[in-house]
Protein backbone atom coordinates (compact mmCIF):
# COMPACT_ATOMS: atom_id res chain seq x y z
CA UNK A 1 64.87 13.26 95.04
CA UNK A 2 62.86 10.35 96.39
CA UNK A 3 64.28 6.84 96.15
CA UNK A 4 61.03 5.91 94.43
CA UNK A 5 61.84 8.31 91.58
CA UNK A 6 62.97 6.08 88.70
CA UNK A 7 66.00 5.88 86.52
CA UNK A 8 64.52 6.58 83.09
CA UNK A 9 65.79 5.33 79.74
CA UNK A 10 64.48 7.08 76.63
CA UNK A 11 64.75 4.77 73.64
CA UNK A 12 63.79 1.10 73.68
CA UNK A 13 66.19 -0.32 71.14
CA UNK A 14 69.21 -2.52 71.79
CA UNK A 15 70.98 0.20 73.80
CA UNK A 16 67.97 0.90 75.98
CA UNK A 17 67.38 -2.77 76.73
CA UNK A 18 71.05 -3.31 77.52
CA UNK A 19 71.02 -0.33 79.87
CA UNK A 20 68.09 -1.80 81.81
CA UNK A 21 69.90 -5.12 81.90
CA UNK A 22 73.13 -3.49 83.14
CA UNK A 23 71.29 -1.69 85.95
CA UNK A 24 69.89 -4.96 87.26
CA UNK A 25 73.22 -6.76 86.76
CA UNK A 26 74.80 -4.10 89.01
CA UNK A 27 72.15 -4.82 91.65
CA UNK A 28 70.34 -1.53 91.25
CA UNK A 29 67.05 -2.25 92.99
CA UNK A 30 65.24 1.02 92.32
CA UNK A 31 62.53 1.59 89.73
CA UNK A 32 63.46 1.60 86.04
CA UNK A 33 61.27 3.00 83.27
CA UNK A 34 62.15 2.16 79.66
CA UNK A 35 60.31 4.21 77.03
CA UNK A 36 60.12 3.34 73.34
CA UNK A 37 58.17 4.84 70.44
CA UNK A 38 57.76 1.56 68.55
CA UNK A 39 55.20 -1.05 69.51
CA UNK A 40 57.79 -3.85 69.29
CA UNK A 41 59.89 -5.21 72.10
CA UNK A 42 63.48 -3.90 71.90
CA UNK A 43 65.37 -5.55 69.05
CA UNK A 44 68.65 -5.38 67.19
CA UNK A 45 68.70 -3.50 63.88
CA UNK A 46 71.54 -5.04 61.79
CA UNK A 47 69.46 -8.11 60.80
CA UNK A 48 66.88 -5.86 59.14
CA UNK A 49 69.11 -5.37 56.09
CA UNK A 50 70.82 -8.74 56.36
CA UNK A 51 69.26 -11.95 57.69
CA UNK A 52 65.62 -10.82 57.76
CA UNK A 53 65.55 -9.84 54.08
CA UNK A 54 67.54 -12.97 53.25
CA UNK A 55 64.88 -15.09 54.96
CA UNK A 56 67.35 -16.43 57.54
CA UNK A 57 65.87 -14.82 60.66
CA UNK A 58 62.57 -13.53 61.97
CA UNK A 59 61.97 -10.78 64.53
CA UNK A 60 61.97 -13.22 67.44
CA UNK A 61 65.53 -14.25 66.58
CA UNK A 62 66.91 -10.76 67.19
CA UNK A 63 64.58 -9.49 69.92
CA UNK A 64 66.80 -8.60 72.89
CA UNK A 65 64.63 -10.04 75.67
CA UNK A 66 61.20 -11.67 75.75
CA UNK A 67 58.31 -9.80 77.36
CA UNK A 68 58.60 -11.82 80.56
CA UNK A 69 62.17 -10.63 81.14
CA UNK A 70 61.06 -7.03 81.72
CA UNK A 71 58.34 -8.13 84.14
CA UNK A 72 60.63 -10.51 86.02
CA UNK A 73 63.33 -7.85 86.38
CA UNK A 74 61.00 -5.09 87.44
CA UNK A 75 61.51 -2.96 84.33
CA UNK A 76 58.54 -0.77 83.48
CA UNK A 77 58.65 -1.09 79.69
CA UNK A 78 56.32 1.35 77.97
CA UNK A 79 55.95 0.85 74.23
CA UNK A 80 54.36 3.40 71.93
CA UNK A 81 55.54 6.10 74.33
CA UNK A 82 57.00 9.20 72.68
CA UNK A 83 58.94 11.68 74.78
CA UNK A 84 58.37 15.25 73.56
CA UNK A 85 60.10 17.41 76.18
CA UNK A 86 62.92 17.30 78.70
CA UNK A 87 63.39 19.64 81.66
CA UNK A 88 66.82 19.03 83.20
CA UNK A 89 66.28 21.60 85.95
CA UNK A 90 63.06 19.95 87.05
CA UNK A 91 64.32 16.41 86.37
CA UNK A 92 61.19 15.65 84.35
CA UNK A 93 60.26 14.50 80.88
CA UNK A 94 56.99 15.12 79.07
CA UNK A 95 55.25 12.50 76.93
CA UNK A 96 53.07 12.90 73.88
CA UNK A 97 50.02 11.74 75.82
CA UNK A 98 50.30 14.80 78.07
CA UNK A 99 51.72 13.02 81.11
CA UNK A 100 55.06 13.78 82.72
CA UNK A 101 57.59 11.63 84.52
CA UNK A 102 60.29 12.51 87.02
CA UNK A 103 63.72 10.92 86.97
CA UNK A 104 66.78 10.56 89.20
CA UNK A 105 69.10 9.77 86.34
CA UNK A 106 68.25 9.85 82.65
CA UNK A 107 69.78 7.89 79.78
CA UNK A 108 69.15 9.06 76.23
CA UNK A 109 69.28 6.16 73.76
CA UNK A 110 67.10 7.72 71.08
CA UNK A 111 69.02 6.37 68.08
CA UNK A 112 68.56 7.62 64.54
CA UNK A 113 65.96 7.81 61.82
CA UNK A 114 66.34 7.43 58.07
CA UNK A 115 67.51 10.58 56.36
CA UNK A 116 64.92 11.89 53.91
CA UNK A 117 65.71 13.40 50.54
CA UNK A 118 64.00 16.52 49.14
CA UNK A 119 63.37 15.16 45.64
CA UNK A 120 60.09 14.90 43.76
CA UNK A 121 58.28 11.61 44.26
CA UNK A 122 60.00 10.75 47.55
CA UNK A 123 56.66 10.25 49.31
CA UNK A 124 55.08 8.03 46.66
CA UNK A 125 53.74 4.58 47.40
CA UNK A 126 56.49 2.02 46.83
CA UNK A 127 59.29 4.29 48.12
CA UNK A 128 60.93 2.57 51.06
CA UNK A 129 63.25 3.53 53.90
CA UNK A 130 64.84 1.01 56.25
CA UNK A 131 65.10 1.72 59.94
CA UNK A 132 62.41 -0.27 61.74
CA UNK A 133 61.08 -3.81 61.56
CA UNK A 134 57.91 -2.41 59.99
CA UNK A 135 60.06 -0.81 57.29
CA UNK A 136 61.79 -4.14 56.72
CA UNK A 137 58.50 -6.00 56.53
CA UNK A 138 57.17 -3.61 53.89
CA UNK A 139 60.38 -3.88 51.87
CA UNK A 140 60.40 -7.65 52.22
CA UNK A 141 56.93 -7.82 50.67
CA UNK A 142 58.16 -5.84 47.66
CA UNK A 143 61.15 -8.07 46.90
CA UNK A 144 59.57 -10.97 45.05
CA UNK A 145 61.71 -12.97 42.64
CA UNK A 146 61.66 -11.34 39.23
CA UNK A 147 60.76 -7.92 40.59
CA UNK A 148 63.02 -4.88 40.37
CA UNK A 149 64.48 -2.52 42.95
CA UNK A 150 66.21 0.83 42.58
CA UNK A 151 68.43 1.81 45.50
CA UNK A 152 69.37 5.43 46.09
CA UNK A 153 72.65 5.42 47.99
CA UNK A 154 75.58 2.98 48.11
CA UNK A 155 76.28 3.03 51.84
CA UNK A 156 75.97 0.07 54.18
CA UNK A 157 72.18 -0.21 54.15
CA UNK A 158 71.97 0.23 50.39
CA UNK A 159 74.63 -2.36 49.61
CA UNK A 160 73.39 -4.90 52.14
CA UNK A 161 69.85 -4.65 50.80
CA UNK A 162 71.16 -4.89 47.25
CA UNK A 163 72.94 -8.13 48.15
CA UNK A 164 69.88 -9.59 49.87
CA UNK A 165 67.65 -8.61 46.95
CA UNK A 166 69.96 -10.12 44.32
CA UNK A 167 70.09 -13.37 46.27
CA UNK A 168 66.28 -13.43 46.03
CA UNK A 169 66.34 -13.02 42.25
CA UNK A 170 65.45 -9.32 42.23
CA UNK A 171 66.89 -7.02 39.55
CA UNK A 172 68.81 -4.28 41.36
CA UNK A 173 70.11 -0.90 40.25
CA UNK A 174 72.08 1.24 42.72
CA UNK A 175 72.54 4.98 42.14
CA UNK A 176 75.31 6.76 44.04
CA UNK A 177 76.74 10.27 43.68
CA UNK A 178 80.22 9.15 44.80
CA UNK A 179 82.68 7.41 42.50
CA UNK A 180 82.53 4.14 44.47
CA UNK A 181 80.27 2.41 46.98
CA UNK A 182 81.11 2.80 50.68
CA UNK A 183 83.63 5.49 49.79
CA UNK A 184 83.12 7.54 52.95
CA UNK A 185 83.54 4.50 55.19
CA UNK A 186 86.27 2.52 53.47
CA UNK A 187 88.02 4.78 50.97
CA UNK A 188 88.65 4.15 47.30
CA UNK A 189 90.94 1.14 47.73
CA UNK A 190 88.32 -1.02 49.44
CA UNK A 191 85.33 0.64 47.81
CA UNK A 192 86.59 -0.81 44.53
CA UNK A 193 86.49 -4.31 46.03
CA UNK A 194 82.82 -3.91 46.93
CA UNK A 195 82.01 -2.44 43.53
CA UNK A 196 83.49 -5.53 41.88
CA UNK A 197 81.63 -7.82 44.25
CA UNK A 198 78.23 -6.35 43.43
CA UNK A 199 78.84 -6.17 39.70
CA UNK A 200 79.82 -9.84 39.70
CA UNK A 201 76.44 -10.57 41.24
CA UNK A 202 74.54 -8.61 38.63
CA UNK A 203 73.93 -5.28 40.34
CA UNK A 204 73.75 -2.34 37.93
CA UNK A 205 75.91 0.26 39.69
CA UNK A 206 75.35 3.82 38.51
CA UNK A 207 78.23 5.61 40.22
CA UNK A 208 78.88 9.31 39.98
CA UNK A 209 75.17 9.75 39.30
CA UNK A 210 72.42 11.75 40.96
CA UNK A 211 68.65 11.35 41.16
CA UNK A 212 66.50 14.15 39.76
CA UNK A 213 63.19 12.55 40.73
CA UNK A 214 61.46 9.35 41.70
CA UNK A 215 59.11 8.76 38.81
CA UNK A 216 55.51 7.89 39.61
CA UNK A 217 52.29 6.80 37.99
CA UNK A 218 48.99 6.92 39.81
CA UNK A 219 50.76 7.84 43.02
CA UNK A 220 53.08 4.82 42.95
CA UNK A 221 56.82 4.80 42.29
CA UNK A 222 57.87 3.48 38.89
CA UNK A 223 61.62 4.13 39.09
CA UNK A 224 64.11 6.97 38.88
CA UNK A 225 65.06 9.75 36.52
CA UNK A 226 68.69 10.75 36.86
CA UNK A 227 70.09 14.22 36.39
CA UNK A 228 71.67 13.13 33.10
CA UNK A 229 68.19 12.34 31.78
CA UNK A 230 68.48 8.56 31.92
CA UNK A 231 65.59 6.51 33.30
CA UNK A 232 65.59 3.49 35.58
CA UNK A 233 62.44 1.40 35.80
CA UNK A 234 61.74 -0.29 39.12
CA UNK A 235 58.80 -1.73 40.98
CA UNK A 236 60.16 -0.44 44.28
CA UNK A 237 62.63 2.24 45.39
CA UNK A 238 64.78 2.16 48.51
CA UNK A 239 66.18 5.49 49.70
CA UNK A 240 69.30 4.74 51.75
CA UNK A 241 71.20 8.01 52.04
CA UNK A 242 72.20 7.81 55.69
CA UNK A 243 70.71 8.35 59.11
CA UNK A 244 69.65 11.41 61.06
CA UNK A 245 70.49 11.21 64.79
CA UNK A 246 67.54 11.90 67.05
CA UNK A 247 69.04 14.71 69.12
CA UNK A 248 66.15 17.17 69.05
CA UNK A 249 65.12 16.32 72.62
CA UNK A 250 68.64 17.07 73.86
CA UNK A 251 68.82 20.27 71.87
CA UNK A 252 65.46 21.48 73.18
CA UNK A 253 66.67 20.83 76.72
CA UNK A 254 69.83 22.87 76.19
CA UNK A 255 72.30 19.99 76.42
CA UNK A 256 75.59 20.54 74.63
CA UNK A 257 75.45 19.10 71.10
CA UNK A 258 77.83 19.02 68.16
CA UNK A 259 79.56 16.67 65.73
CA UNK A 260 76.06 15.47 64.84
CA UNK A 261 75.27 14.21 68.32
CA UNK A 262 75.03 14.84 72.04
CA UNK A 263 78.44 15.80 73.41
CA UNK A 264 79.48 13.36 76.14
CA UNK A 265 82.73 12.67 77.95
CA UNK A 266 84.48 9.30 78.10
CA UNK A 267 82.02 8.16 80.77
CA UNK A 268 79.18 9.04 78.35
CA UNK A 269 77.92 11.81 80.63
CA UNK A 270 76.41 14.82 78.92
CA UNK A 271 76.77 18.48 79.88
CA UNK A 272 74.14 17.77 82.56
CA UNK A 273 75.59 15.50 85.29
CA UNK A 274 72.37 13.51 85.62
CA UNK A 275 71.92 12.81 81.90
CA UNK A 276 73.91 10.30 79.85
CA UNK A 277 73.73 9.39 76.16
CA UNK A 278 74.65 6.21 74.27
CA UNK A 279 74.48 4.71 70.81
CA UNK A 280 73.99 6.63 67.58
CA UNK A 281 73.55 9.99 69.29
CA UNK A 282 76.61 9.87 71.56
CA UNK A 283 79.50 12.05 70.33
CA UNK A 284 81.94 10.66 72.87
CA UNK A 285 85.44 11.69 73.79
CA UNK A 286 87.66 8.64 73.24
CA UNK A 287 90.30 8.24 75.96
CA UNK A 288 92.82 6.44 73.74
CA UNK A 289 92.36 8.13 70.39
CA UNK A 290 92.05 11.58 71.98
CA UNK A 291 89.27 12.66 69.67
CA UNK A 292 85.51 12.81 69.71
CA UNK A 293 83.82 9.91 67.90
CA UNK A 294 80.19 9.35 66.97
CA UNK A 295 79.36 6.20 65.03
CA UNK A 296 76.04 4.62 64.09
CA UNK A 297 77.07 1.03 64.67
CA UNK A 298 75.69 -1.94 66.56
CA UNK A 299 78.74 -2.32 68.80
CA UNK A 300 78.14 1.02 70.51
CA UNK A 301 74.51 0.18 71.22
CA UNK A 302 75.64 -3.14 72.67
CA UNK A 303 78.57 -2.03 74.82
CA UNK A 304 78.17 1.63 75.75
CA UNK A 305 75.17 1.14 78.08
CA UNK A 306 77.20 -0.72 80.72
CA UNK A 307 79.65 2.19 80.92
CA UNK A 308 76.89 4.79 81.10
CA UNK A 309 75.12 2.79 83.80
CA UNK A 310 78.29 2.64 85.86
CA UNK A 311 78.49 6.42 85.74
CA UNK A 312 74.82 6.80 86.60
CA UNK A 313 75.47 4.69 89.71
CA UNK A 314 78.44 6.80 90.76
CA UNK A 315 81.18 4.47 89.58
CA UNK A 316 84.25 5.47 87.57
CA UNK A 317 84.14 4.08 84.02
CA UNK A 318 85.27 5.07 80.53
CA UNK A 319 84.23 3.80 77.12
CA UNK A 320 87.54 2.87 75.53
CA UNK A 321 86.35 0.30 72.99
CA UNK A 322 87.67 0.84 69.48
CA UNK A 323 84.95 1.56 66.88
CA UNK A 324 83.80 -1.71 65.31
CA UNK A 325 81.38 -2.71 62.59
CA UNK A 326 80.72 -5.65 60.31
CA UNK A 327 78.85 -6.57 57.17
CA UNK A 328 77.73 -9.67 55.28
CA UNK A 329 77.14 -9.35 51.55
CA UNK A 330 76.83 -12.45 49.34
CA UNK A 331 79.79 -14.66 50.29
CA UNK A 332 81.75 -11.77 51.75
CA UNK A 333 81.90 -11.22 55.47
CA UNK A 334 84.07 -8.60 57.07
CA UNK A 335 84.92 -6.98 60.40
CA UNK A 336 86.36 -3.48 60.72
CA UNK A 337 87.96 -1.99 63.80
CA UNK A 338 89.51 1.41 64.39
CA UNK A 339 89.00 4.98 63.27
CA UNK A 340 90.60 6.38 60.11
CA UNK A 341 88.75 9.45 58.85
CA UNK A 342 92.08 10.74 57.52
CA UNK A 343 94.73 8.27 56.42
CA UNK A 344 97.90 8.38 54.35
CA UNK A 345 97.88 4.93 52.74
CA UNK A 346 96.24 1.52 52.69
CA UNK A 347 98.23 -1.70 53.04
CA UNK A 348 96.76 -5.03 51.94
CA UNK A 349 97.74 -8.42 53.32
CA UNK A 350 96.33 -11.36 51.39
CA UNK A 351 94.43 -11.79 48.13
CA UNK A 352 92.05 -8.95 47.25
CA UNK A 353 91.02 -10.67 44.00
CA UNK A 354 89.85 -13.72 45.95
CA UNK A 355 88.41 -11.38 48.58
CA UNK A 356 90.32 -13.04 51.41
CA UNK A 357 92.53 -10.36 52.88
CA UNK A 358 93.20 -7.87 55.62
CA UNK A 359 93.30 -4.15 54.92
CA UNK A 360 95.13 -1.64 57.11
CA UNK A 361 94.70 2.12 57.15
CA UNK A 362 97.93 3.91 58.10
CA UNK A 363 98.65 7.46 59.15
CA UNK A 364 101.50 9.50 57.74
CA UNK A 365 103.78 8.22 60.50
CA UNK A 366 102.91 4.59 59.63
CA UNK A 367 100.77 4.08 62.72
CA UNK A 368 97.88 1.65 62.18
CA UNK A 369 94.63 3.61 62.47
CA UNK A 370 92.20 0.86 61.46
CA UNK A 371 92.08 -2.64 60.08
CA UNK A 372 89.53 -4.80 58.29
CA UNK A 373 89.40 -8.56 57.89
CA UNK A 374 87.59 -9.77 54.77
CA UNK A 375 86.63 -13.46 54.88
CA UNK A 376 89.37 -14.02 57.47
CA UNK A 377 88.03 -14.92 60.89
CA UNK A 378 91.12 -14.58 63.03
CA UNK A 379 93.56 -11.88 63.99
CA UNK A 380 91.09 -9.18 65.04
CA UNK A 381 92.67 -8.95 68.49
CA UNK A 382 96.08 -8.51 66.86
CA UNK A 383 94.69 -5.66 64.76
CA UNK A 384 93.32 -4.01 67.89
CA UNK A 385 96.72 -4.36 69.55
CA UNK A 386 98.42 -2.67 66.58
CA UNK A 387 96.02 0.26 66.87
CA UNK A 388 96.31 0.53 70.64
CA UNK A 389 100.11 0.54 70.73
CA UNK A 390 100.08 3.62 68.47
CA UNK A 391 103.59 2.67 67.38
CA UNK A 392 104.79 2.92 63.76
CA UNK A 393 104.98 -0.32 61.77
CA UNK A 394 106.98 -1.39 58.75
CA UNK A 395 104.45 -1.37 55.87
CA UNK A 396 106.33 -4.11 53.99
CA UNK A 397 106.25 -6.45 56.99
CA UNK A 398 102.62 -5.54 57.59
CA UNK A 399 101.78 -6.65 54.05
CA UNK A 400 103.67 -9.94 54.39
CA UNK A 401 101.35 -12.81 55.44
CA UNK A 402 104.41 -14.71 56.68
CA UNK A 403 105.01 -12.12 59.41
CA UNK A 404 102.66 -12.74 62.38
CA UNK A 405 100.64 -9.64 63.23
CA UNK A 406 101.49 -10.19 66.87
CA UNK A 407 105.17 -9.63 66.09
CA UNK A 408 104.41 -6.17 64.71
CA UNK A 409 102.81 -4.88 67.91
CA UNK A 410 105.57 -5.96 70.25
């Protein structure tokens, strides 16, 4: 392979931009090609459902690098470039415009797309999804004060948009099949806290409910009809029922996939030694937790690229960061760290009624699996230490604010 053959990054979001940055930070002086389907410079996605809709930030505030950065660092950034095929044996990719491109090493950072729902009316005018800045711009235009919004799905995107919309004076109804919002992420104990938060701010939560159709008139959405026959009128509808990882390229190329993503080891290397994967699509083996984890969170897109780049350059590296995510809704801010798909109990430290507390998810042996600070902006490192020690804790001492968290991990 010629030295002039580039390192290629497929996906020009946060992860892709950070990978290009990491290559140059490690003094890689070869050619880099960064390919993205959108026409926008790489940007971060969390502000789309938070600060952008709240009017606190514009696209320039969360763009990763200005245009000049790519030129000055010799990164061949190609926007509006869709990769349609991957040939690992030939070390080439094919683009939608009919051209092909060879690579030395390839990084897949293709991210996710909004999951679509097979219900009548889902393609009507006024039905929104939220994944790109163009999606956010269209939704922003629909959220005028005094208007109404129906949200299908009470996950992170749905609840963050609901909060932003209510703060703009929009009437909001959220429909969710589960018994509580954020149930899959946080469990019933903390889901109840978020249900109370949104109801206090005037959100009409329809929990344990399902959508039969998005009602329309003249081709435009007018609201929802639920399976129980009830009707919800709304000027706009947001469908927020999760994300679909973009792994089709990897599947077509015969890379090992599973757990909803591209299977990678702790170095983020795929089943092909010259192809790595990061971000939403990476189902990575975690060296500490001894399990495979795939999460669709900002922290992975930010931090995984440096590890993958190290591997691409022949260095030994493992991604051992604990899963992390955050949210801001109304006056509630929280940070979550850890991994607790199966837990035995939840321990609270602090005042859940005042929404100033820490929540801990414990396994059956009283090991701390995950922790979440709500409106408390200290102690996250102590929570990480409790998880990393993998030692049992006394639940009563854990719940006692007078006992320093640092004393529990020693």
